[in-house]
Amino acid sequence: MNAPVSKNILNYLKKEGLKEGPCRLFGTSYSSGLKEASLFNGVSSHCMDFDDVSWATIGHPSVSVAPSVFACAQKGKWNGKQTLLAYVLAVESMHQIARLTMPQLSERGWHTTLAYGVFGAAVPAVRLLGLNEDECANALGIAVSRAGGVRANFGTQTKALHAGLSNRIGIDCAEMAACGINASHNAVEGADGFALCFTGEAIKGEVDIGEFWDLHENGLVIKRYPCCSGTHPTNDVWDEFLSAHPLKAEDIDHIEAGVSLSGRTYIIFNKTSLTH
């Protein structure tokens, strides 16, 4: 809650008229509605970049959907089994789409946390609202038109905002579908759909959710260091070097380190993201 972007998003919510509700804004004394809590918790959970990573999206799965899951669980008074099921379905939904559109989507500059996250974040709300199969497909179709997030905003507070928007938008899509708004049921793979517009290529293959479970086969990558995973190979090498060659801080004049290709792409630091 002490992170500048957390304070800023809370100020935004207050200006919007933060109303009392069943969903907790983590780290604060506030409780509010589904979308308000999901936005705040998503932003705050991503601001330090210490959240998990997915091999499917090369993004951050839990922060993309868990705030939506927790908010829906609190409003719906779900038990642990219901909450865990909603989380698994949410992550699998975004990962299945990612498996068919990566790495092309990322190579075109999209931030996968938001680009895929809106699909997963809609799922808990679909369950909370009791939507049928047709309405669920509508919610995902609406999410196609709400997906986004560009890496040009890395290094600023908007990167953390992407995680919050993923959750808030996902819930919004389910609520719209519950009100009768329909969408194309092949908006992901169809002509001029998500895949073609975000990757420039048509989908090759089929989603096989229920047969292949990404969480079971690939799992989640839990970070060893509280920083972008693009820096981790360098950190690993440095740790190994220090184990063999112990040094004191005063022994070091400077350090030169190589980074992975993803490191040069993703690791953009702007001090205003933390200090203003």
Protein backbone atom coordinates (compact mmCIF):
# COMPACT_ATOMS: atom_id res chain seq x y z
CA MET A 1 0.00 0.00 0.00
CA ASN A 2 2.99 2.31 0.47
CA ALA A 3 3.97 2.07 -3.19
CA PRO A 4 3.30 5.35 -5.02
CA VAL A 5 1.16 3.67 -7.69
CA SER A 6 -0.99 2.04 -4.98
CA LYS A 7 -1.61 5.43 -3.41
CA ASN A 8 -2.37 6.92 -6.80
CA ILE A 9 -4.88 4.26 -7.82
CA LEU A 10 -6.58 4.55 -4.43
CA ASN A 11 -6.87 8.30 -4.95
CA TYR A 12 -8.40 7.62 -8.35
CA LEU A 13 -10.97 5.26 -6.84
CA LYS A 14 -11.84 7.78 -4.16
CA LYS A 15 -12.41 10.47 -6.78
CA GLU A 16 -14.63 8.03 -8.65
CA GLY A 17 -16.67 7.62 -5.48
CA LEU A 18 -15.35 4.60 -3.56
CA LYS A 19 -18.38 2.91 -2.02
CA GLU A 20 -18.48 0.30 0.72
CA GLY A 21 -18.73 -3.28 -0.48
CA PRO A 22 -17.84 -6.89 0.36
CA CYS A 23 -14.46 -7.00 -1.40
CA ARG A 24 -11.32 -6.06 0.48
CA LEU A 25 -8.69 -3.68 -0.86
CA PHE A 26 -5.65 -5.56 0.39
CA GLY A 27 -3.35 -3.67 2.72
CA THR A 28 -5.94 -1.00 3.48
CA SER A 29 -8.94 -0.52 5.72
CA TYR A 30 -11.24 -0.23 2.69
CA SER A 31 -13.73 -2.70 1.27
CA SER A 32 -15.60 -1.97 -1.93
CA GLY A 33 -17.18 -3.52 -5.01
CA LEU A 34 -15.93 -6.19 -7.38
CA LYS A 35 -14.29 -3.97 -9.93
CA GLU A 36 -12.85 -1.45 -7.50
CA ALA A 37 -11.17 -4.13 -5.38
CA SER A 38 -9.95 -6.02 -8.46
CA LEU A 39 -8.39 -2.89 -9.94
CA PHE A 40 -6.65 -1.84 -6.74
CA ASN A 41 -5.43 -5.31 -5.80
CA GLY A 42 -4.16 -6.01 -9.30
CA VAL A 43 -2.18 -2.78 -9.46
CA SER A 44 -0.74 -3.17 -5.96
CA SER A 45 0.18 -6.81 -6.52
CA HIS A 46 2.19 -6.03 -9.65
CA CYS A 47 3.94 -2.81 -8.64
CA MET A 48 7.05 -4.56 -7.27
CA ASP A 49 7.18 -7.19 -10.04
CA PHE A 50 7.51 -10.03 -7.53
CA ASP A 51 4.58 -12.04 -8.88
CA ASP A 52 4.75 -15.41 -10.60
CA VAL A 53 5.45 -16.05 -14.28
CA SER A 54 3.98 -18.38 -16.89
CA TRP A 55 5.81 -20.27 -19.62
CA ALA A 56 2.66 -20.03 -21.76
CA THR A 57 2.32 -16.24 -21.72
CA ILE A 58 5.81 -15.21 -20.59
CA GLY A 59 3.70 -12.92 -18.43
CA HIS A 60 2.19 -12.87 -14.98
CA PRO A 61 -0.80 -15.22 -14.63
CA SER A 62 -1.85 -14.89 -11.01
CA VAL A 63 -1.83 -11.11 -10.86
CA SER A 64 -3.89 -11.06 -14.07
CA VAL A 65 -6.75 -13.07 -12.58
CA ALA A 66 -6.38 -13.67 -8.83
CA PRO A 67 -7.74 -10.26 -7.77
CA SER A 68 -10.88 -11.05 -9.79
CA VAL A 69 -11.05 -14.50 -8.18
CA PHE A 70 -10.67 -13.12 -4.65
CA ALA A 71 -13.24 -10.38 -5.20
CA CYS A 72 -15.78 -12.82 -6.62
CA ALA A 73 -15.05 -15.26 -3.80
CA GLN A 74 -15.72 -12.58 -1.21
CA LYS A 75 -18.91 -11.37 -2.84
CA GLY A 76 -20.18 -14.89 -3.51
CA LYS A 77 -18.96 -16.22 -0.14
CA TRP A 78 -17.22 -19.08 -1.90
CA ASN A 79 -15.45 -21.82 -0.02
CA GLY A 80 -11.85 -22.82 -0.71
CA LYS A 81 -12.74 -25.41 -3.35
CA GLN A 82 -14.91 -22.96 -5.30
CA THR A 83 -12.22 -20.30 -5.14
CA LEU A 84 -9.45 -22.63 -6.29
CA LEU A 85 -11.59 -23.96 -9.14
CA ALA A 86 -12.29 -20.41 -10.35
CA TYR A 87 -8.55 -19.65 -10.25
CA VAL A 88 -7.62 -22.76 -12.22
CA LEU A 89 -10.25 -22.10 -14.88
CA ALA A 90 -9.18 -18.46 -15.13
CA VAL A 91 -5.50 -19.27 -15.63
CA GLU A 92 -6.23 -22.09 -18.05
CA SER A 93 -8.48 -19.86 -20.16
CA MET A 94 -5.77 -17.27 -20.73
CA HIS A 95 -3.03 -19.88 -21.15
CA GLN A 96 -4.90 -21.85 -23.78
CA ILE A 97 -5.27 -18.73 -25.92
CA ALA A 98 -1.62 -17.85 -25.30
CA ARG A 99 -0.45 -21.28 -26.41
CA LEU A 100 -1.94 -20.61 -29.84
CA THR A 101 -0.73 -17.02 -30.25
CA MET A 102 2.68 -16.85 -28.58
CA PRO A 103 5.38 -15.72 -29.12
CA GLN A 104 4.04 -13.69 -32.03
CA LEU A 105 1.79 -11.55 -29.81
CA SER A 106 4.65 -10.57 -27.51
CA GLU A 107 7.00 -9.96 -30.44
CA ARG A 108 4.59 -7.30 -31.70
CA GLY A 109 4.93 -5.31 -28.48
CA TRP A 110 1.86 -6.38 -26.50
CA HIS A 111 2.05 -6.86 -22.74
CA THR A 112 0.74 -10.38 -22.26
CA THR A 113 -0.41 -9.76 -18.68
CA LEU A 114 -3.25 -7.58 -19.95
CA ALA A 115 -3.61 -8.92 -23.48
CA TYR A 116 -4.41 -12.43 -22.22
CA GLY A 117 -5.45 -11.61 -18.68
CA VAL A 118 -8.82 -10.11 -19.58
CA PHE A 119 -9.98 -13.54 -20.78
CA GLY A 120 -9.01 -15.28 -17.57
CA ALA A 121 -10.30 -12.52 -15.30
CA ALA A 122 -13.75 -12.76 -16.87
CA VAL A 123 -14.13 -16.41 -15.84
CA PRO A 124 -14.60 -15.94 -12.07
CA ALA A 125 -17.28 -13.34 -12.75
CA VAL A 126 -18.95 -15.70 -15.22
CA ARG A 127 -19.20 -18.26 -12.44
CA LEU A 128 -20.32 -15.71 -9.86
CA LEU A 129 -23.09 -14.45 -12.13
CA GLY A 130 -24.16 -17.97 -13.13
CA LEU A 131 -23.82 -17.36 -16.86
CA ASN A 132 -24.61 -20.16 -19.27
CA GLU A 133 -22.33 -21.38 -22.06
CA ASP A 134 -23.63 -18.91 -24.61
CA GLU A 135 -23.25 -15.98 -22.22
CA CYS A 136 -19.77 -17.12 -21.26
CA ALA A 137 -18.78 -17.13 -24.94
CA ASN A 138 -20.22 -13.63 -25.23
CA ALA A 139 -18.13 -12.46 -22.26
CA LEU A 140 -14.96 -13.81 -23.89
CA GLY A 141 -15.94 -12.27 -27.20
CA ILE A 142 -16.40 -8.90 -25.51
CA ALA A 143 -12.98 -9.37 -23.88
CA VAL A 144 -11.43 -9.63 -27.36
CA SER A 145 -12.43 -6.03 -27.96
CA ARG A 146 -11.12 -4.95 -24.55
CA ALA A 147 -7.71 -6.65 -24.62
CA GLY A 148 -4.60 -4.50 -24.93
CA GLY A 149 -1.55 -3.23 -23.08
CA VAL A 150 1.65 -2.17 -24.83
CA ARG A 151 5.21 -2.52 -23.60
CA ALA A 152 5.91 1.12 -24.41
CA ASN A 153 4.52 1.79 -20.94
CA PHE A 154 7.03 -0.48 -19.19
CA GLY A 155 9.11 1.49 -16.70
CA THR A 156 6.11 3.55 -15.63
CA GLN A 157 3.20 3.06 -13.25
CA THR A 158 1.03 2.02 -16.17
CA LYS A 159 2.77 -1.37 -16.25
CA ALA A 160 1.27 -2.13 -12.84
CA LEU A 161 -1.98 -0.59 -14.02
CA HIS A 162 -2.15 -3.26 -16.75
CA ALA A 163 -2.60 -5.96 -14.09
CA GLY A 164 -5.38 -4.02 -12.40
CA LEU A 165 -7.11 -3.32 -15.69
CA SER A 166 -6.97 -7.00 -16.62
CA ASN A 167 -9.07 -7.88 -13.57
CA ARG A 168 -11.44 -4.95 -13.76
CA ILE A 169 -12.08 -5.33 -17.48
CA GLY A 170 -12.59 -9.09 -17.18
CA ILE A 171 -15.35 -8.58 -14.62
CA ASP A 172 -16.82 -5.81 -16.75
CA CYS A 173 -17.04 -8.15 -19.75
CA ALA A 174 -18.92 -10.79 -17.75
CA GLU A 175 -21.34 -8.20 -16.38
CA MET A 176 -22.05 -6.91 -19.88
CA ALA A 177 -22.70 -10.43 -21.12
CA ALA A 178 -25.04 -10.97 -18.15
CA CYS A 179 -27.02 -7.94 -19.32
CA GLY A 180 -27.56 -9.50 -22.74
CA ILE A 181 -24.75 -7.97 -24.79
CA ASN A 182 -23.61 -10.57 -27.29
CA ALA A 183 -20.38 -11.04 -29.21
CA SER A 184 -18.88 -13.27 -31.86
CA HIS A 185 -18.24 -16.77 -30.55
CA ASN A 186 -15.18 -17.07 -32.77
CA ALA A 187 -13.78 -13.63 -32.02
CA VAL A 188 -10.51 -15.19 -30.85
CA GLU A 189 -9.73 -17.33 -33.88
CA GLY A 190 -12.04 -15.94 -36.57
CA ALA A 191 -11.46 -13.51 -39.42
CA ASP A 192 -10.24 -10.14 -38.09
CA GLY A 193 -10.30 -11.64 -34.61
CA PHE A 194 -7.92 -11.53 -31.65
CA ALA A 195 -5.27 -13.84 -33.09
CA LEU A 196 -5.03 -12.16 -36.46
CA CYS A 197 -5.11 -8.61 -35.12
CA PHE A 198 -2.67 -9.19 -32.25
CA THR A 199 -0.21 -11.49 -34.02
CA GLY A 200 -0.71 -10.88 -37.73
CA GLU A 201 -1.27 -14.61 -38.22
CA ALA A 202 -4.23 -16.96 -38.18
CA ILE A 203 -4.41 -19.51 -35.38
CA LYS A 204 -2.84 -22.86 -36.15
CA GLY A 205 -4.28 -25.65 -34.05
CA GLU A 206 -7.19 -25.89 -31.65
CA VAL A 207 -7.76 -25.08 -28.02
CA ASP A 208 -7.78 -28.37 -26.13
CA ILE A 209 -8.77 -27.26 -22.65
CA GLY A 210 -9.94 -30.25 -20.66
CA GLU A 211 -7.35 -32.48 -22.33
CA PHE A 212 -4.17 -30.45 -21.88
CA TRP A 213 -3.91 -28.56 -18.59
CA ASP A 214 -1.12 -26.00 -18.66
CA LEU A 215 -1.02 -25.67 -14.89
CA HIS A 216 -0.45 -29.41 -14.61
CA GLU A 217 2.05 -29.76 -17.45
CA ASN A 218 4.03 -26.53 -17.04
CA GLY A 219 2.94 -25.08 -13.71
CA LEU A 220 3.87 -21.62 -12.50
CA VAL A 221 7.33 -20.13 -12.26
CA ILE A 222 7.90 -18.76 -8.75
CA LYS A 223 10.54 -16.03 -8.65
CA ARG A 224 13.71 -16.31 -6.61
CA TYR A 225 14.33 -12.56 -6.78
CA PRO A 226 11.95 -9.60 -6.35
CA CYS A 227 12.48 -8.23 -9.85
CA CYS A 228 11.62 -8.89 -13.49
CA SER A 229 12.38 -12.48 -14.49
CA GLY A 230 14.44 -11.13 -17.40
CA THR A 231 17.14 -10.26 -14.85
CA HIS A 232 17.18 -13.66 -13.16
CA PRO A 233 19.74 -15.44 -15.38
CA THR A 234 22.23 -12.67 -14.63
CA ASN A 235 21.42 -12.89 -10.92
CA ASP A 236 21.92 -16.66 -10.99
CA VAL A 237 25.34 -16.29 -12.62
CA TRP A 238 26.35 -13.60 -10.12
CA ASP A 239 25.27 -15.78 -7.19
CA GLU A 240 27.31 -18.67 -8.58
CA PHE A 241 30.34 -16.42 -9.06
CA LEU A 242 30.13 -15.10 -5.50
CA SER A 243 29.92 -18.63 -4.13
CA ALA A 244 33.22 -19.46 -5.79
CA HIS A 245 34.83 -16.01 -5.39
CA PRO A 246 33.55 -14.24 -2.25
CA LEU A 247 33.88 -10.46 -2.52
CA LYS A 248 33.31 -7.46 -0.30
CA ALA A 249 31.46 -4.42 -1.58
CA GLU A 250 34.62 -2.31 -1.35
CA ASP A 251 36.39 -4.79 -3.65
CA ILE A 252 34.03 -4.00 -6.54
CA ASP A 253 34.70 -1.06 -8.83
CA HIS A 254 31.97 -1.83 -11.35
CA ILE A 255 30.05 -4.78 -12.77
CA GLU A 256 29.42 -5.60 -16.40
CA ALA A 257 26.68 -8.16 -17.01
CA GLY A 258 25.01 -9.57 -20.06
CA VAL A 259 21.26 -10.07 -20.13
CA SER A 260 18.96 -12.30 -22.12
CA LEU A 261 17.12 -11.12 -25.21
CA SER A 262 13.96 -10.78 -23.16
CA GLY A 263 15.90 -8.75 -20.62
CA ARG A 264 16.72 -6.05 -23.14
CA THR A 265 13.09 -5.97 -24.19
CA TYR A 266 11.36 -6.02 -20.83
CA ILE A 267 13.70 -4.38 -18.34
CA ILE A 268 12.94 -0.69 -18.64
CA PHE A 269 13.35 1.33 -15.47
CA ASN A 270 11.92 4.77 -14.94
CA LYS A 271 12.38 6.20 -11.48
CA THR A 272 9.03 7.95 -11.69
CA SER A 273 7.35 4.54 -11.51
CA LEU A 274 8.49 4.20 -7.92
CA THR A 275 8.99 7.72 -6.64
CA HIS A 276 6.17 9.83 -8.05
